[in-house]
Amino acid sequence: IGDVIFFPVGTQHYIKSICDEDLLLVLAYSTGNELETLRMKGYFHGT
């Protein structure tokens, strides 16, 4: 609680919960266009 995280554009990252309670975050993405995301499951299945 209270921590800020930063992931630069094009940097692969992941987040997992390790508490008994749910992990909740507010996220902001710096783009004026539709956000484009590629997930590990997507590029494995797409290869």
All heavy atoms as atom14 arrays in JSON, in Angstrom:
{
  "sequence": "IGDVIFFPVGTQHYIKSICDEDLLLVLAYSTGNELETLRMKGYFHGT",
  "atom14_mask": [
    [1, 1, 1, 1, 1, 1, 1, 1, 0, 0, 0, 0, 0, 0],
    [1, 1, 1, 1, 0, 0, 0, 0, 0, 0, 0, 0, 0, 0],
    [1, 1, 1, 1, 1, 1, 1, 1, 0, 0, 0, 0, 0, 0],
    [1, 1, 1, 1, 1, 1, 1, 0, 0, 0, 0, 0, 0, 0],
    [1, 1, 1, 1, 1, 1, 1, 1, 0, 0, 0, 0, 0, 0],
    [1, 1, 1, 1, 1, 1, 1, 1, 1, 1, 1, 0, 0, 0],
    [1, 1, 1, 1, 1, 1, 1, 1, 1, 1, 1, 0, 0, 0],
    [1, 1, 1, 1, 1, 1, 1, 0, 0, 0, 0, 0, 0, 0],
    [1, 1, 1, 1, 1, 1, 1, 0, 0, 0, 0, 0, 0, 0],
    [1, 1, 1, 1, 0, 0, 0, 0, 0, 0, 0, 0, 0, 0],
    [1, 1, 1, 1, 1, 1, 1, 0, 0, 0, 0, 0, 0, 0],
    [1, 1, 1, 1, 1, 1, 1, 1, 1, 0, 0, 0, 0, 0],
    [1, 1, 1, 1, 1, 1, 1, 1, 1, 1, 0, 0, 0, 0],
    [1, 1, 1, 1, 1, 1, 1, 1, 1, 1, 1, 1, 0, 0],
    [1, 1, 1, 1, 1, 1, 1, 1, 0, 0, 0, 0, 0, 0],
    [1, 1, 1, 1, 1, 1, 1, 1, 1, 0, 0, 0, 0, 0],
    [1, 1, 1, 1, 1, 1, 0, 0, 0, 0, 0, 0, 0, 0],
    [1, 1, 1, 1, 1, 1, 1, 1, 0, 0, 0, 0, 0, 0],
    [1, 1, 1, 1, 1, 1, 0, 0, 0, 0, 0, 0, 0, 0],
    [1, 1, 1, 1, 1, 1, 1, 1, 0, 0, 0, 0, 0, 0],
    [1, 1, 1, 1, 1, 1, 1, 1, 1, 0, 0, 0, 0, 0],
    [1, 1, 1, 1, 1, 1, 1, 1, 0, 0, 0, 0, 0, 0],
    [1, 1, 1, 1, 1, 1, 1, 1, 0, 0, 0, 0, 0, 0],
    [1, 1, 1, 1, 1, 1, 1, 1, 0, 0, 0, 0, 0, 0],
    [1, 1, 1, 1, 1, 1, 1, 1, 0, 0, 0, 0, 0, 0],
    [1, 1, 1, 1, 1, 1, 1, 0, 0, 0, 0, 0, 0, 0],
    [1, 1, 1, 1, 1, 1, 1, 1, 0, 0, 0, 0, 0, 0],
    [1, 1, 1, 1, 1, 0, 0, 0, 0, 0, 0, 0, 0, 0],
    [1, 1, 1, 1, 1, 1, 1, 1, 1, 1, 1, 1, 0, 0],
    [1, 1, 1, 1, 1, 1, 0, 0, 0, 0, 0, 0, 0, 0],
    [1, 1, 1, 1, 1, 1, 1, 0, 0, 0, 0, 0, 0, 0],
    [1, 1, 1, 1, 0, 0, 0, 0, 0, 0, 0, 0, 0, 0],
    [1, 1, 1, 1, 1, 1, 1, 1, 0, 0, 0, 0, 0, 0],
    [1, 1, 1, 1, 1, 1, 1, 1, 1, 0, 0, 0, 0, 0],
    [1, 1, 1, 1, 1, 1, 1, 1, 0, 0, 0, 0, 0, 0],
    [1, 1, 1, 1, 1, 1, 1, 1, 1, 0, 0, 0, 0, 0],
    [1, 1, 1, 1, 1, 1, 1, 0, 0, 0, 0, 0, 0, 0],
    [1, 1, 1, 1, 1, 1, 1, 1, 0, 0, 0, 0, 0, 0],
    [1, 1, 1, 1, 1, 1, 1, 1, 1, 1, 1, 0, 0, 0],
    [1, 1, 1, 1, 1, 1, 1, 1, 0, 0, 0, 0, 0, 0],
    [1, 1, 1, 1, 1, 1, 1, 1, 1, 0, 0, 0, 0, 0],
    [1, 1, 1, 1, 0, 0, 0, 0, 0, 0, 0, 0, 0, 0],
    [1, 1, 1, 1, 1, 1, 1, 1, 1, 1, 1, 1, 0, 0],
    [1, 1, 1, 1, 1, 1, 1, 1, 1, 1, 1, 0, 0, 0],
    [1, 1, 1, 1, 1, 1, 1, 1, 1, 1, 0, 0, 0, 0],
    [1, 1, 1, 1, 0, 0, 0, 0, 0, 0, 0, 0, 0, 0],
    [1, 1, 1, 1, 1, 1, 1, 0, 0, 0, 0, 0, 0, 0]
  ],
  "atom14_positions": [
    [[0.83, -1.21, 0.0], [0.0, 0.0, 0.0], [0.87, 1.26, 0.0], [1.8, 1.38, 0.8], [-0.93, 0.01, 1.23], [-1.9, -1.18, 1.15], [-1.71, 1.31, 1.32], [-2.73, -1.36, 2.4], [0.0, 0.0, 0.0], [0.0, 0.0, 0.0], [0.0, 0.0, 0.0], [0.0, 0.0, 0.0], [0.0, 0.0, 0.0], [0.0, 0.0, 0.0]],
    [[0.56, 2.17, -0.92], [1.29, 3.43, -1.02], [2.47, 3.4, -1.96], [3.07, 4.45, -2.23], [0.0, 0.0, 0.0], [0.0, 0.0, 0.0], [0.0, 0.0, 0.0], [0.0, 0.0, 0.0], [0.0, 0.0, 0.0], [0.0, 0.0, 0.0], [0.0, 0.0, 0.0], [0.0, 0.0, 0.0], [0.0, 0.0, 0.0], [0.0, 0.0, 0.0]],
    [[2.82, 2.23, -2.49], [3.96, 2.14, -3.41], [3.56, 2.55, -4.83], [2.42, 2.32, -5.26], [4.52, 0.72, -3.44], [5.24, 0.35, -2.16], [5.64, 1.27, -1.43], [5.41, -0.85, -1.89], [0.0, 0.0, 0.0], [0.0, 0.0, 0.0], [0.0, 0.0, 0.0], [0.0, 0.0, 0.0], [0.0, 0.0, 0.0], [0.0, 0.0, 0.0]],
    [[4.51, 3.12, -5.55], [4.33, 3.47, -6.96], [5.26, 2.6, -7.79], [6.43, 2.41, -7.44], [4.66, 4.96, -7.2], [4.69, 5.28, -8.7], [3.64, 5.85, -6.51], [0.0, 0.0, 0.0], [0.0, 0.0, 0.0], [0.0, 0.0, 0.0], [0.0, 0.0, 0.0], [0.0, 0.0, 0.0], [0.0, 0.0, 0.0], [0.0, 0.0, 0.0]],
    [[4.74, 2.04, -8.88], [5.56, 1.22, -9.78], [5.57, 1.87, -11.16], [4.64, 2.58, -11.54], [5.03, -0.22, -9.88], [3.53, -0.24, -10.25], [5.26, -0.96, -8.58], [2.97, -1.64, -10.43], [0.0, 0.0, 0.0], [0.0, 0.0, 0.0], [0.0, 0.0, 0.0], [0.0, 0.0, 0.0], [0.0, 0.0, 0.0], [0.0, 0.0, 0.0]],
    [[6.64, 1.61, -11.92], [6.79, 2.2, -13.25], [7.37, 1.16, -14.21], [8.37, 0.53, -13.91], [7.72, 3.41, -13.19], [8.04, 3.99, -14.54], [7.05, 4.59, -15.31], [9.33, 3.93, -15.04], [7.35, 5.12, -16.56], [9.64, 4.45, -16.29], [8.64, 5.05, -17.04], [0.0, 0.0, 0.0], [0.0, 0.0, 0.0], [0.0, 0.0, 0.0]],
    [[6.7, 0.99, -15.35], [7.17, 0.08, -16.39], [7.32, 0.87, -17.69], [6.32, 1.31, -18.27], [6.18, -1.07, -16.6], [5.87, -1.85, -15.35], [4.56, -1.95, -14.88], [6.87, -2.49, -14.64], [4.26, -2.67, -13.74], [6.58, -3.21, -13.48], [5.28, -3.31, -13.03], [0.0, 0.0, 0.0], [0.0, 0.0, 0.0], [0.0, 0.0, 0.0]],
    [[8.56, 1.06, -18.18], [8.76, 1.81, -19.43], [8.12, 1.1, -20.62], [7.93, -0.12, -20.59], [10.29, 1.86, -19.57], [10.82, 1.6, -18.19], [9.83, 0.67, -17.55], [0.0, 0.0, 0.0], [0.0, 0.0, 0.0], [0.0, 0.0, 0.0], [0.0, 0.0, 0.0], [0.0, 0.0, 0.0], [0.0, 0.0, 0.0], [0.0, 0.0, 0.0]],
    [[7.81, 1.87, -21.65], [7.2, 1.33, -22.86], [8.05, 0.18, -23.4], [9.27, 0.25, -23.44], [7.01, 2.44, -23.92], [8.32, 3.07, -24.31], [6.28, 1.91, -25.14], [0.0, 0.0, 0.0], [0.0, 0.0, 0.0], [0.0, 0.0, 0.0], [0.0, 0.0, 0.0], [0.0, 0.0, 0.0], [0.0, 0.0, 0.0], [0.0, 0.0, 0.0]],
    [[7.38, -0.91, -23.8], [8.08, -2.05, -24.39], [8.75, -2.97, -23.39], [9.38, -3.96, -23.8], [0.0, 0.0, 0.0], [0.0, 0.0, 0.0], [0.0, 0.0, 0.0], [0.0, 0.0, 0.0], [0.0, 0.0, 0.0], [0.0, 0.0, 0.0], [0.0, 0.0, 0.0], [0.0, 0.0, 0.0], [0.0, 0.0, 0.0], [0.0, 0.0, 0.0]],
    [[8.62, -2.71, -22.09], [9.25, -3.54, -21.06], [8.26, -4.61, -20.58], [7.19, -4.26, -20.08], [9.7, -2.69, -19.86], [10.61, -1.69, -20.3], [10.38, -3.56, -18.82], [0.0, 0.0, 0.0], [0.0, 0.0, 0.0], [0.0, 0.0, 0.0], [0.0, 0.0, 0.0], [0.0, 0.0, 0.0], [0.0, 0.0, 0.0], [0.0, 0.0, 0.0]],
    [[8.62, -5.87, -20.73], [7.72, -6.92, -20.26], [7.71, -6.94, -18.73], [8.74, -6.81, -18.09], [8.15, -8.29, -20.8], [7.22, -9.41, -20.37], [7.44, -10.7, -21.12], [6.85, -10.94, -22.16], [8.28, -11.57, -20.57], [0.0, 0.0, 0.0], [0.0, 0.0, 0.0], [0.0, 0.0, 0.0], [0.0, 0.0, 0.0], [0.0, 0.0, 0.0]],
    [[6.52, -7.1, -18.17], [6.38, -7.07, -16.72], [5.19, -7.93, -16.29], [4.34, -8.28, -17.11], [6.18, -5.63, -16.22], [5.04, -4.91, -16.87], [5.16, -4.3, -18.1], [3.76, -4.7, -16.48], [4.01, -3.75, -18.43], [3.13, -3.99, -17.46], [0.0, 0.0, 0.0], [0.0, 0.0, 0.0], [0.0, 0.0, 0.0], [0.0, 0.0, 0.0]],
    [[5.16, -8.25, -15.01], [4.03, -9.01, -14.46], [3.83, -8.59, -13.01], [4.71, -7.99, -12.38], [4.29, -10.52, -14.55], [5.47, -11.01, -13.76], [5.37, -11.32, -12.41], [6.71, -11.17, -14.38], [6.46, -11.76, -11.69], [7.82, -11.61, -13.67], [7.69, -11.9, -12.33], [8.78, -12.33, -11.62], [0.0, 0.0, 0.0], [0.0, 0.0, 0.0]],
    [[2.65, -8.87, -12.49], [2.31, -8.56, -11.1], [1.53, -9.75, -10.54], [0.61, -10.26, -11.2], [1.45, -7.29, -10.98], [2.15, -6.1, -11.63], [1.14, -6.98, -9.53], [1.28, -4.84, -11.69], [0.0, 0.0, 0.0], [0.0, 0.0, 0.0], [0.0, 0.0, 0.0], [0.0, 0.0, 0.0], [0.0, 0.0, 0.0], [0.0, 0.0, 0.0]],
    [[1.88, -10.17, -9.34], [1.1, -11.23, -8.69], [0.79, -10.82, -7.26], [1.51, -10.05, -6.63], [1.82, -12.56, -8.72], [3.11, -12.64, -7.92], [3.68, -14.05, -7.97], [4.96, -14.17, -7.15], [5.5, -15.55, -7.15], [0.0, 0.0, 0.0], [0.0, 0.0, 0.0], [0.0, 0.0, 0.0], [0.0, 0.0, 0.0], [0.0, 0.0, 0.0]],
    [[-0.34, -11.32, -6.75], [-0.75, -11.04, -5.38], [-0.15, -12.1, -4.45], [-0.16, -13.29, -4.77], [-2.27, -11.06, -5.27], [-2.68, -10.94, -3.93], [0.0, 0.0, 0.0], [0.0, 0.0, 0.0], [0.0, 0.0, 0.0], [0.0, 0.0, 0.0], [0.0, 0.0, 0.0], [0.0, 0.0, 0.0], [0.0, 0.0, 0.0], [0.0, 0.0, 0.0]],
    [[0.38, -11.65, -3.31], [0.99, -12.6, -2.37], [0.38, -12.48, -0.98], [0.93, -13.02, -0.01], [2.52, -12.42, -2.31], [2.89, -10.99, -1.9], [3.16, -12.77, -3.64], [4.39, -10.79, -1.72], [0.0, 0.0, 0.0], [0.0, 0.0, 0.0], [0.0, 0.0, 0.0], [0.0, 0.0, 0.0], [0.0, 0.0, 0.0], [0.0, 0.0, 0.0]],
    [[-0.76, -11.76, -0.87], [-1.44, -11.6, 0.42], [-2.75, -12.4, 0.44], [-3.22, -12.86, -0.6], [-1.77, -10.14, 0.68], [-0.32, -9.16, 1.11], [0.0, 0.0, 0.0], [0.0, 0.0, 0.0], [0.0, 0.0, 0.0], [0.0, 0.0, 0.0], [0.0, 0.0, 0.0], [0.0, 0.0, 0.0], [0.0, 0.0, 0.0], [0.0, 0.0, 0.0]],
    [[-3.34, -12.51, 1.62], [-4.65, -13.14, 1.74], [-5.74, -12.28, 1.13], [-6.76, -12.78, 0.66], [-4.98, -13.42, 3.21], [-4.09, -14.5, 3.81], [-3.58, -15.33, 3.02], [-3.91, -14.51, 5.03], [0.0, 0.0, 0.0], [0.0, 0.0, 0.0], [0.0, 0.0, 0.0], [0.0, 0.0, 0.0], [0.0, 0.0, 0.0], [0.0, 0.0, 0.0]],
    [[-5.53, -10.95, 1.13], [-6.51, -10.04, 0.55], [-6.17, -9.73, -0.89], [-5.04, -9.97, -1.35], [-6.59, -8.74, 1.36], [-5.29, -7.95, 1.39], [-5.41, -6.67, 2.18], [-6.36, -5.91, 1.93], [-4.55, -6.44, 3.05], [0.0, 0.0, 0.0], [0.0, 0.0, 0.0], [0.0, 0.0, 0.0], [0.0, 0.0, 0.0], [0.0, 0.0, 0.0]],
    [[-7.14, -9.18, -1.63], [-6.91, -8.83, -3.03], [-5.9, -7.69, -3.14], [-5.83, -6.81, -2.28], [-8.22, -8.39, -3.69], [-9.24, -9.52, -3.77], [-8.83, -10.68, -3.62], [-10.43, -9.23, -3.98], [0.0, 0.0, 0.0], [0.0, 0.0, 0.0], [0.0, 0.0, 0.0], [0.0, 0.0, 0.0], [0.0, 0.0, 0.0], [0.0, 0.0, 0.0]],
    [[-5.13, -7.71, -4.21], [-4.21, -6.63, -4.54], [-4.92, -5.66, -5.47], [-5.43, -6.07, -6.52], [-2.96, -7.19, -5.21], [-1.92, -6.19, -5.72], [-1.32, -5.39, -4.58], [-0.83, -6.91, -6.51], [0.0, 0.0, 0.0], [0.0, 0.0, 0.0], [0.0, 0.0, 0.0], [0.0, 0.0, 0.0], [0.0, 0.0, 0.0], [0.0, 0.0, 0.0]],
    [[-5.0, -4.39, -5.07], [-5.69, -3.38, -5.88], [-4.72, -2.27, -6.27], [-3.97, -1.76, -5.42], [-6.87, -2.78, -5.1], [-7.98, -3.75, -4.69], [-9.01, -3.03, -3.84], [-8.65, -4.35, -5.93], [0.0, 0.0, 0.0], [0.0, 0.0, 0.0], [0.0, 0.0, 0.0], [0.0, 0.0, 0.0], [0.0, 0.0, 0.0], [0.0, 0.0, 0.0]],
    [[-4.74, -1.88, -7.55], [-3.89, -0.81, -8.05], [-4.68, 0.13, -8.93], [-5.65, -0.28, -9.59], [-2.72, -1.37, -8.87], [-1.74, -2.32, -8.2], [-2.09, -3.76, -8.57], [-0.32, -2.01, -8.65], [0.0, 0.0, 0.0], [0.0, 0.0, 0.0], [0.0, 0.0, 0.0], [0.0, 0.0, 0.0], [0.0, 0.0, 0.0], [0.0, 0.0, 0.0]],
    [[-4.26, 1.39, -8.95], [-4.73, 2.36, -9.94], [-3.59, 2.53, -10.94], [-2.45, 2.81, -10.54], [-5.08, 3.7, -9.3], [-5.55, 4.68, -10.37], [-6.17, 3.53, -8.25], [0.0, 0.0, 0.0], [0.0, 0.0, 0.0], [0.0, 0.0, 0.0], [0.0, 0.0, 0.0], [0.0, 0.0, 0.0], [0.0, 0.0, 0.0], [0.0, 0.0, 0.0]],
    [[-3.87, 2.34, -12.23], [-2.85, 2.36, -13.27], [-3.07, 3.51, -14.24], [-4.21, 3.86, -14.53], [-2.85, 1.04, -14.04], [-2.69, -0.24, -13.23], [-2.83, -1.45, -14.14], [-1.34, -0.26, -12.52], [0.0, 0.0, 0.0], [0.0, 0.0, 0.0], [0.0, 0.0, 0.0], [0.0, 0.0, 0.0], [0.0, 0.0, 0.0], [0.0, 0.0, 0.0]],
    [[-1.98, 4.07, -14.73], [-2.05, 5.13, -15.74], [-1.11, 4.78, -16.89], [0.03, 4.36, -16.66], [-1.67, 6.48, -15.13], [0.0, 0.0, 0.0], [0.0, 0.0, 0.0], [0.0, 0.0, 0.0], [0.0, 0.0, 0.0], [0.0, 0.0, 0.0], [0.0, 0.0, 0.0], [0.0, 0.0, 0.0], [0.0, 0.0, 0.0], [0.0, 0.0, 0.0]],
    [[-1.61, 4.94, -18.11], [-0.83, 4.63, -19.31], [-0.69, 5.9, -20.15], [-1.69, 6.54, -20.48], [-1.53, 3.54, -20.15], [-1.79, 2.27, -19.39], [-2.97, 2.11, -18.66], [-0.88, 1.23, -19.39], [-3.23, 0.94, -17.97], [-1.12, 0.05, -18.69], [-2.31, -0.08, -17.99], [-2.56, -1.24, -17.29], [0.0, 0.0, 0.0], [0.0, 0.0, 0.0]],
    [[0.54, 6.24, -20.51], [0.79, 7.5, -21.21], [0.65, 7.32, -22.72], [1.62, 7.17, -23.44], [2.2, 8.01, -20.88], [3.18, 7.05, -21.27], [0.0, 0.0, 0.0], [0.0, 0.0, 0.0], [0.0, 0.0, 0.0], [0.0, 0.0, 0.0], [0.0, 0.0, 0.0], [0.0, 0.0, 0.0], [0.0, 0.0, 0.0], [0.0, 0.0, 0.0]],
    [[-0.59, 7.33, -23.19], [-0.82, 7.26, -24.62], [-2.08, 8.02, -24.98], [-3.09, 7.95, -24.27], [-0.95, 5.81, -25.11], [-1.28, 5.81, -26.51], [-2.02, 5.04, -24.35], [0.0, 0.0, 0.0], [0.0, 0.0, 0.0], [0.0, 0.0, 0.0], [0.0, 0.0, 0.0], [0.0, 0.0, 0.0], [0.0, 0.0, 0.0], [0.0, 0.0, 0.0]],
    [[-2.02, 8.77, -26.07], [-3.2, 9.45, -26.57], [-3.97, 8.61, -27.57], [-4.9, 9.09, -28.21], [0.0, 0.0, 0.0], [0.0, 0.0, 0.0], [0.0, 0.0, 0.0], [0.0, 0.0, 0.0], [0.0, 0.0, 0.0], [0.0, 0.0, 0.0], [0.0, 0.0, 0.0], [0.0, 0.0, 0.0], [0.0, 0.0, 0.0], [0.0, 0.0, 0.0]],
    [[-3.55, 7.36, -27.72], [-4.18, 6.47, -28.68], [-4.7, 5.24, -27.94], [-4.55, 5.12, -26.73], [-3.18, 6.06, -29.76], [-3.85, 5.81, -31.1], [-4.98, 5.33, -31.17], [-3.16, 6.15, -32.17], [0.0, 0.0, 0.0], [0.0, 0.0, 0.0], [0.0, 0.0, 0.0], [0.0, 0.0, 0.0], [0.0, 0.0, 0.0], [0.0, 0.0, 0.0]],
    [[-5.31, 4.32, -28.67], [-5.78, 3.1, -28.03], [-4.59, 2.29, -27.55], [-3.62, 2.08, -28.3], [-6.63, 2.27, -29.0], [-7.24, 1.04, -28.37], [-8.3, 0.39, -29.25], [-8.73, 1.03, -30.23], [-8.69, -0.75, -28.93], [0.0, 0.0, 0.0], [0.0, 0.0, 0.0], [0.0, 0.0, 0.0], [0.0, 0.0, 0.0], [0.0, 0.0, 0.0]],
    [[-4.62, 1.84, -26.3], [-3.51, 1.11, -25.71], [-3.31, -0.22, -26.44], [-4.25, -0.97, -26.68], [-3.8, 0.85, -24.23], [-2.71, 0.16, -23.43], [-1.47, 1.05, -23.33], [-3.21, -0.2, -22.03], [0.0, 0.0, 0.0], [0.0, 0.0, 0.0], [0.0, 0.0, 0.0], [0.0, 0.0, 0.0], [0.0, 0.0, 0.0], [0.0, 0.0, 0.0]],
    [[-2.05, -0.5, -26.79], [-1.7, -1.72, -27.5], [-0.85, -2.6, -26.58], [0.22, -2.2, -26.14], [-0.95, -1.4, -28.79], [-1.8, -0.6, -29.78], [-1.03, -0.22, -31.03], [0.2, -0.48, -31.08], [-1.64, 0.33, -31.95], [0.0, 0.0, 0.0], [0.0, 0.0, 0.0], [0.0, 0.0, 0.0], [0.0, 0.0, 0.0], [0.0, 0.0, 0.0]],
    [[-1.36, -3.8, -26.31], [-0.73, -4.7, -25.33], [-0.55, -6.08, -25.94], [-1.42, -6.57, -26.67], [-1.62, -4.8, -24.07], [-1.77, -3.51, -23.5], [-0.99, -5.74, -23.05], [0.0, 0.0, 0.0], [0.0, 0.0, 0.0], [0.0, 0.0, 0.0], [0.0, 0.0, 0.0], [0.0, 0.0, 0.0], [0.0, 0.0, 0.0], [0.0, 0.0, 0.0]],
    [[0.58, -6.7, -25.65], [0.81, -8.09, -26.07], [1.18, -8.89, -24.83], [2.14, -8.58, -24.12], [1.93, -8.17, -27.1], [2.21, -9.58, -27.67], [0.96, -10.15, -28.36], [3.38, -9.55, -28.64], [0.0, 0.0, 0.0], [0.0, 0.0, 0.0], [0.0, 0.0, 0.0], [0.0, 0.0, 0.0], [0.0, 0.0, 0.0], [0.0, 0.0, 0.0]],
    [[0.4, -9.96, -24.57], [0.63, -10.81, -23.41], [1.4, -12.08, -23.79], [1.36, -12.5, -24.95], [-0.71, -11.17, -22.74], [-1.38, -9.96, -22.12], [-2.75, -10.27, -21.55], [-3.24, -9.12, -20.81], [-3.8, -8.05, -21.36], [-3.95, -8.0, -22.69], [-4.2, -7.03, -20.62], [0.0, 0.0, 0.0], [0.0, 0.0, 0.0], [0.0, 0.0, 0.0]],
    [[2.06, -12.66, -22.81], [2.87, -13.86, -23.05], [2.05, -14.96, -23.71], [2.49, -15.61, -24.66], [3.46, -14.35, -21.73], [4.48, -15.47, -21.88], [5.2, -15.93, -20.27], [6.88, -16.23, -20.75], [0.0, 0.0, 0.0], [0.0, 0.0, 0.0], [0.0, 0.0, 0.0], [0.0, 0.0, 0.0], [0.0, 0.0, 0.0], [0.0, 0.0, 0.0]],
    [[0.83, -15.15, -23.21], [-0.05, -16.17, -23.78], [-0.31, -15.88, -25.26], [-0.35, -16.78, -26.09], [-1.36, -16.2, -23.01], [-2.35, -17.24, -23.49], [-3.62, -17.21, -22.63], [-4.63, -18.23, -23.12], [-5.86, -18.21, -22.3], [0.0, 0.0, 0.0], [0.0, 0.0, 0.0], [0.0, 0.0, 0.0], [0.0, 0.0, 0.0], [0.0, 0.0, 0.0]],
    [[-0.45, -14.59, -25.58], [-0.73, -14.2, -26.96], [0.42, -14.47, -27.9], [0.22, -15.0, -29.0], [0.0, 0.0, 0.0], [0.0, 0.0, 0.0], [0.0, 0.0, 0.0], [0.0, 0.0, 0.0], [0.0, 0.0, 0.0], [0.0, 0.0, 0.0], [0.0, 0.0, 0.0], [0.0, 0.0, 0.0], [0.0, 0.0, 0.0], [0.0, 0.0, 0.0]],
    [[1.66, -14.11, -27.48], [2.75, -14.3, -28.44], [3.23, -15.75, -28.5], [3.79, -16.16, -29.51], [3.89, -13.3, -28.25], [4.64, -13.3, -26.93], [5.52, -14.32, -26.6], [4.52, -12.23, -26.06], [6.24, -14.29, -25.42], [5.24, -12.18, -24.87], [6.1, -13.22, -24.55], [6.81, -13.18, -23.39], [0.0, 0.0, 0.0], [0.0, 0.0, 0.0]],
    [[2.98, -16.55, -27.44], [3.3, -17.98, -27.55], [2.32, -18.66, -28.5], [2.71, -19.44, -29.35], [3.27, -18.64, -26.17], [4.64, -18.94, -25.62], [5.44, -17.91, -25.15], [5.12, -20.22, -25.61], [6.7, -18.17, -24.65], [6.4, -20.51, -25.12], [7.19, -19.48, -24.64], [0.0, 0.0, 0.0], [0.0, 0.0, 0.0], [0.0, 0.0, 0.0]],
    [[1.03, -18.35, -28.33], [0.02, -18.96, -29.21], [0.12, -18.43, -30.63], [-0.3, -19.1, -31.58], [-1.37, -18.7, -28.65], [-1.69, -19.54, -27.45], [-2.92, -19.53, -26.83], [-0.94, -20.45, -26.75], [-2.91, -20.37, -25.81], [-1.72, -20.92, -25.73], [0.0, 0.0, 0.0], [0.0, 0.0, 0.0], [0.0, 0.0, 0.0], [0.0, 0.0, 0.0]],
    [[0.66, -17.23, -30.78], [0.76, -16.63, -32.11], [2.01, -17.02, -32.87], [2.19, -16.65, -34.03], [0.0, 0.0, 0.0], [0.0, 0.0, 0.0], [0.0, 0.0, 0.0], [0.0, 0.0, 0.0], [0.0, 0.0, 0.0], [0.0, 0.0, 0.0], [0.0, 0.0, 0.0], [0.0, 0.0, 0.0], [0.0, 0.0, 0.0], [0.0, 0.0, 0.0]],
    [[2.91, -17.76, -32.22], [4.14, -18.2, -32.86], [4.0, -19.65, -33.31], [3.55, -20.5, -32.54], [5.34, -18.07, -31.89], [5.43, -16.72, -31.43], [6.64, -18.45, -32.57], [0.0, 0.0, 0.0], [0.0, 0.0, 0.0], [0.0, 0.0, 0.0], [0.0, 0.0, 0.0], [0.0, 0.0, 0.0], [0.0, 0.0, 0.0], [0.0, 0.0, 0.0]]
  ]
}
